């Protein structure tokens, strides 16, 4: 078995299947955070009163960020589960390949001894 055939056995479709969802959720969280913190550097230098409406808006934004993060964590957990299943498959295939190669080594040694004794 060559390296390319071993790499072909890896379930790349499962691995790449979930990559766009992680990127999309990360971009959503980044855009939400950037909306909130994007212009705050200039505002921090000034002292200003914050109204209850602004506080309510910030709290809702934080709650939405928490929901987005929980959703992202759920997707990541699912993907880790899928990747661990894929790793188990690779492990089983590796054990099978090693077993077959060990068996072929034993058979070839037996045949070599048989030919040498004959």
C-alpha atoms as a PDB file:
ATOM      1  CA  UNK A   1       0.000   0.000   0.000  1.00  0.00           C
ATOM      2  CA  UNK A   2       1.402   3.298  -1.022  1.00  0.00           C
ATOM      3  CA  UNK A   3       1.055   6.571   0.770  1.00  0.00           C
ATOM      4  CA  UNK A   4      -1.495   7.845  -1.725  1.00  0.00           C
ATOM      5  CA  UNK A   5      -3.724   4.828  -1.268  1.00  0.00           C
ATOM      6  CA  UNK A   6      -3.563   5.297   2.513  1.00  0.00           C
ATOM      7  CA  UNK A   7      -4.461   8.966   2.133  1.00  0.00           C
ATOM      8  CA  UNK A   8      -7.340   7.983  -0.140  1.00  0.00           C
ATOM      9  CA  UNK A   9      -8.797   5.911   2.698  1.00  0.00           C
ATOM     10  CA  UNK A  10      -9.133   8.957   4.978  1.00  0.00           C
ATOM     11  CA  UNK A  11     -12.725  10.246   4.919  1.00  0.00           C
ATOM     12  CA  UNK A  12     -11.821  13.725   3.694  1.00  0.00           C
ATOM     13  CA  UNK A  13     -15.418  14.443   2.723  1.00  0.00           C
ATOM     14  CA  UNK A  14     -16.455  14.181   6.367  1.00  0.00           C
ATOM     15  CA  UNK A  15     -13.590  16.414   7.451  1.00  0.00           C
ATOM     16  CA  UNK A  16     -14.211  19.120   4.859  1.00  0.00           C
ATOM     17  CA  UNK A  17     -17.989  18.849   5.093  1.00  0.00           C
ATOM     18  CA  UNK A  18     -18.171  20.814   8.325  1.00  0.00           C
ATOM     19  CA  UNK A  19     -15.445  23.394   7.709  1.00  0.00           C
ATOM     20  CA  UNK A  20     -17.730  26.002   6.081  1.00  0.00           C
ATOM     21  CA  UNK A  21     -20.187  25.912   9.000  1.00  0.00           C
ATOM     22  CA  UNK A  22     -17.438  26.713  11.491  1.00  0.00           C
ATOM     23  CA  UNK A  23     -16.135  29.551   9.342  1.00  0.00           C
ATOM     24  CA  UNK A  24     -19.638  30.983   8.849  1.00  0.00           C
ATOM     25  CA  UNK A  25     -20.482  30.903  12.553  1.00  0.00           C
ATOM     26  CA  UNK A  26     -17.120  32.464  13.399  1.00  0.00           C
ATOM     27  CA  UNK A  27     -17.733  35.278  10.936  1.00  0.00           C
ATOM     28  CA  UNK A  28     -21.183  35.915  12.440  1.00  0.00           C
ATOM     29  CA  UNK A  29     -19.764  36.175  15.924  1.00  0.00           C
ATOM     30  CA  UNK A  30     -16.958  38.400  14.693  1.00  0.00           C
ATOM     31  CA  UNK A  31     -19.397  40.743  12.924  1.00  0.00           C
ATOM     32  CA  UNK A  32     -21.610  40.995  16.021  1.00  0.00           C
ATOM     33  CA  UNK A  33     -18.656  41.758  18.245  1.00  0.00           C
ATOM     34  CA  UNK A  34     -17.200  44.179  15.714  1.00  0.00           C
ATOM     35  CA  UNK A  35     -20.515  46.083  15.545  1.00  0.00           C
ATOM     36  CA  UNK A  36     -20.428  46.530  19.271  1.00  0.00           C
ATOM     37  CA  UNK A  37     -16.739  47.174  19.853  1.00  0.00           C
ATOM     38  CA  UNK A  38     -15.827  48.711  16.501  1.00  0.00           C
ATOM     39  CA  UNK A  39     -16.173  52.360  17.477  1.00  0.00           C
ATOM     40  CA  UNK A  40     -15.709  52.141  21.223  1.00  0.00           C
ATOM     41  CA  UNK A  41     -12.050  53.137  21.249  1.00  0.00           C
ATOM     42  CA  UNK A  42     -12.926  56.757  20.460  1.00  0.00           C
ATOM     43  CA  UNK A  43     -15.891  56.739  22.834  1.00  0.00           C
ATOM     44  CA  UNK A  44     -13.890  55.450  25.792  1.00  0.00           C
ATOM     45  CA  UNK A  45     -11.820  58.563  25.953  1.00  0.00           C
ATOM     46  CA  UNK A  46     -14.987  60.601  26.532  1.00  0.00           C
ATOM     47  CA  UNK A  47     -17.098  60.188  29.603  1.00  0.00           C
ATOM     48  CA  UNK A  48     -20.745  59.983  28.684  1.00  0.00           C
ATOM     49  CA  UNK A  49     -23.917  58.829  30.298  1.00  0.00           C
ATOM     50  CA  UNK A  50     -25.443  55.601  29.139  1.00  0.00           C
ATOM     51  CA  UNK A  51     -29.209  55.414  28.829  1.00  0.00           C
ATOM     52  CA  UNK A  52     -31.324  52.442  29.765  1.00  0.00           C
ATOM     53  CA  UNK A  53     -32.114  51.901  26.092  1.00  0.00           C
ATOM     54  CA  UNK A  54     -28.415  51.646  25.280  1.00  0.00           C
ATOM     55  CA  UNK A  55     -27.894  49.220  28.141  1.00  0.00           C
ATOM     56  CA  UNK A  56     -30.851  47.154  26.960  1.00  0.00           C
ATOM     57  CA  UNK A  57     -29.429  47.137  23.436  1.00  0.00           C
ATOM     58  CA  UNK A  58     -26.037  46.004  24.717  1.00  0.00           C
ATOM     59  CA  UNK A  59     -27.592  43.272  26.847  1.00  0.00           C
ATOM     60  CA  UNK A  60     -29.576  41.983  23.875  1.00  0.00           C
ATOM     61  CA  UNK A  61     -26.410  41.993  21.794  1.00  0.00           C
ATOM     62  CA  UNK A  62     -24.570  40.056  24.481  1.00  0.00           C
ATOM     63  CA  UNK A  63     -27.421  37.561  24.729  1.00  0.00           C
ATOM     64  CA  UNK A  64     -27.390  37.111  20.954  1.00  0.00           C
ATOM     65  CA  UNK A  65     -23.625  36.578  21.054  1.00  0.00           C
ATOM     66  CA  UNK A  66     -24.116  33.951  23.759  1.00  0.00           C
ATOM     67  CA  UNK A  67     -26.682  32.154  21.606  1.00  0.00           C
ATOM     68  CA  UNK A  68     -24.373  32.300  18.593  1.00  0.00           C
ATOM     69  CA  UNK A  69     -21.498  30.949  20.656  1.00  0.00           C
ATOM     70  CA  UNK A  70     -23.676  28.146  22.033  1.00  0.00           C
ATOM     71  CA  UNK A  71     -24.716  27.253  18.492  1.00  0.00           C
ATOM     72  CA  UNK A  72     -21.094  27.296  17.368  1.00  0.00           C
ATOM     73  CA  UNK A  73     -20.076  25.107  20.313  1.00  0.00           C
ATOM     74  CA  UNK A  74     -22.814  22.644  19.430  1.00  0.00           C
ATOM     75  CA  UNK A  75     -21.622  22.486  15.817  1.00  0.00           C
ATOM     76  CA  UNK A  76     -18.011  22.077  16.934  1.00  0.00           C
ATOM     77  CA  UNK A  77     -18.996  19.244  19.298  1.00  0.00           C
ATOM     78  CA  UNK A  78     -20.846  17.487  16.487  1.00  0.00           C
ATOM     79  CA  UNK A  79     -17.886  17.891  14.158  1.00  0.00           C
ATOM     80  CA  UNK A  80     -15.464  16.605  16.786  1.00  0.00           C
ATOM     81  CA  UNK A  81     -17.720  13.575  17.180  1.00  0.00           C
ATOM     82  CA  UNK A  82     -17.653  12.988  13.414  1.00  0.00           C
ATOM     83  CA  UNK A  83     -13.875  13.451  13.321  1.00  0.00           C
ATOM     84  CA  UNK A  84     -13.393  10.981  16.170  1.00  0.00           C
ATOM     85  CA  UNK A  85     -15.488   8.437  14.261  1.00  0.00           C
ATOM     86  CA  UNK A  86     -13.317   9.075  11.198  1.00  0.00           C
ATOM     87  CA  UNK A  87     -10.167   8.650  13.325  1.00  0.00           C
ATOM     88  CA  UNK A  88     -11.523   5.347  14.658  1.00  0.00           C
ATOM     89  CA  UNK A  89     -12.107   4.159  11.089  1.00  0.00           C
ATOM     90  CA  UNK A  90      -8.548   5.119  10.170  1.00  0.00           C
ATOM     91  CA  UNK A  91      -7.253   3.328  13.249  1.00  0.00           C
ATOM     92  CA  UNK A  92      -9.158   0.161  12.366  1.00  0.00           C
ATOM     93  CA  UNK A  93      -7.873   0.256   8.797  1.00  0.00           C
ATOM     94  CA  UNK A  94      -4.312   0.753  10.035  1.00  0.00           C
ATOM     95  CA  UNK A  95      -4.605  -2.244  12.371  1.00  0.00           C
ATOM     96  CA  UNK A  96      -5.975  -4.315   9.491  1.00  0.00           C
ATOM     97  CA  UNK A  97      -3.128  -3.244   7.201  1.00  0.00           C
ATOM     98  CA  UNK A  98      -0.522  -4.034   9.866  1.00  0.00           C
ATOM     99  CA  UNK A  99      -2.112  -7.421  10.539  1.00  0.00           C
ATOM    100  CA  UNK A 100      -2.111  -8.338   6.871  1.00  0.00           C
ATOM    101  CA  UNK A 101       1.496  -7.217   6.439  1.00  0.00           C
ATOM    102  CA  UNK A 102       2.566  -9.156   9.541  1.00  0.00           C
ATOM    103  CA  UNK A 103       0.802 -12.252   8.261  1.00  0.00           C
ATOM    104  CA  UNK A 104       2.479 -11.912   4.879  1.00  0.00           C
ATOM    105  CA  UNK A 105       5.860 -11.553   6.608  1.00  0.00           C
ATOM    106  CA  UNK A 106       5.278 -14.744   8.587  1.00  0.00           C
ATOM    107  CA  UNK A 107       4.141 -16.636   5.480  1.00  0.00           C
ATOM    108  CA  UNK A 108       7.162 -15.451   3.500  1.00  0.00           C
ATOM    109  CA  UNK A 109       9.536 -16.460   6.322  1.00  0.00           C
ATOM    110  CA  UNK A 110       7.919 -19.906   6.542  1.00  0.00           C
ATOM    111  CA  UNK A 111       8.244 -20.332   2.804  1.00  0.00           C
ATOM    112  CA  UNK A 112      11.880 -19.172   2.905  1.00  0.00           C
ATOM    113  CA  UNK A 113      12.678 -21.719   5.639  1.00  0.00           C
ATOM    114  CA  UNK A 114      10.804 -24.403   3.715  1.00  0.00           C
ATOM    115  CA  UNK A 115      12.763 -23.693   0.551  1.00  0.00           C
ATOM    116  CA  UNK A 116      16.067 -23.535   2.442  1.00  0.00           C
ATOM    117  CA  UNK A 117      15.446 -26.895   4.170  1.00  0.00           C
ATOM    118  CA  UNK A 118      14.342 -28.583   0.991  1.00  0.00           C
END
